[in-house]
Amino acid sequence: MSHKHFTIDEKESILKFLKLDFNLEKIDNEIRKHKSSINREIKRNKSCRAKNKLEDSM
């Protein structure tokens, strides 16, 4: 089994879909990654998103 990282484009797509309130199943259909992988990526980068959201509101 080969393990592959998310590309920058995939990460940006996840962020875009989250902003559009897509659920994990819709996101996995769009970027062709398993929803558990997407969920781990979201959790891994949660603090980064919170920081960006705070900066955007200023």
Protein backbone atom coordinates (compact mmCIF):
# COMPACT_ATOMS: atom_id res chain seq x y z
CA MET A 1 0.00 0.00 0.00
CA SER A 2 1.42 3.39 -0.89
CA HIS A 3 0.83 6.41 1.30
CA LYS A 4 0.44 9.77 -0.34
CA HIS A 5 0.26 13.20 1.18
CA PHE A 6 -2.38 15.75 0.33
CA THR A 7 -1.25 18.18 -2.33
CA ILE A 8 -1.54 21.93 -1.84
CA ASP A 9 -4.42 21.95 -4.33
CA GLU A 10 -6.25 19.23 -2.37
CA LYS A 11 -5.74 21.11 0.90
CA GLU A 12 -7.08 24.31 -0.66
CA SER A 13 -10.05 22.39 -2.05
CA ILE A 14 -10.83 20.96 1.39
CA LEU A 15 -10.76 24.47 2.85
CA LYS A 16 -13.01 25.78 0.08
CA PHE A 17 -15.50 22.94 0.55
CA LEU A 18 -15.54 23.41 4.32
CA LYS A 19 -16.38 27.09 3.81
CA LEU A 20 -19.26 25.92 1.60
CA ASP A 21 -20.46 23.61 4.42
CA PHE A 22 -19.76 20.41 2.50
CA ASN A 23 -19.75 17.28 4.67
CA LEU A 24 -16.92 14.73 4.53
CA GLU A 25 -18.74 12.51 2.06
CA LYS A 26 -19.23 15.36 -0.40
CA ILE A 27 -15.60 16.38 -0.03
CA ASP A 28 -14.32 12.84 -0.58
CA ASN A 29 -16.42 12.60 -3.75
CA GLU A 30 -14.85 15.81 -5.02
CA ILE A 31 -11.17 15.15 -4.28
CA ARG A 32 -11.17 11.32 -4.38
CA LYS A 33 -9.66 10.74 -0.95
CA HIS A 34 -11.21 8.65 1.82
CA LYS A 35 -13.28 10.62 4.30
CA SER A 36 -11.19 9.38 7.25
CA SER A 37 -8.06 10.78 5.57
CA ILE A 38 -9.84 14.07 4.99
CA ASN A 39 -10.99 14.15 8.60
CA ARG A 40 -7.42 13.59 9.85
CA GLU A 41 -6.17 16.37 7.59
CA ILE A 42 -8.84 18.73 8.93
CA LYS A 43 -7.97 17.90 12.54
CA ARG A 44 -4.25 18.23 11.84
CA ASN A 45 -4.69 21.75 10.50
CA LYS A 46 -7.46 22.97 12.79
CA SER A 47 -5.25 25.45 14.65
CA CYS A 48 -4.01 26.94 11.37
CA ARG A 49 -7.58 27.52 10.17
CA ALA A 50 -8.54 29.15 13.48
CA LYS A 51 -5.56 31.49 13.21
CA ASN A 52 -6.45 32.41 9.61
CA LYS A 53 -10.08 33.01 10.55
CA LEU A 54 -9.00 35.34 13.36
CA GLU A 55 -6.68 37.27 11.02
CA ASP A 56 -9.45 37.57 8.41
CA SER A 57 -11.82 39.12 10.94
CA MET A 58 -9.39 41.95 11.79
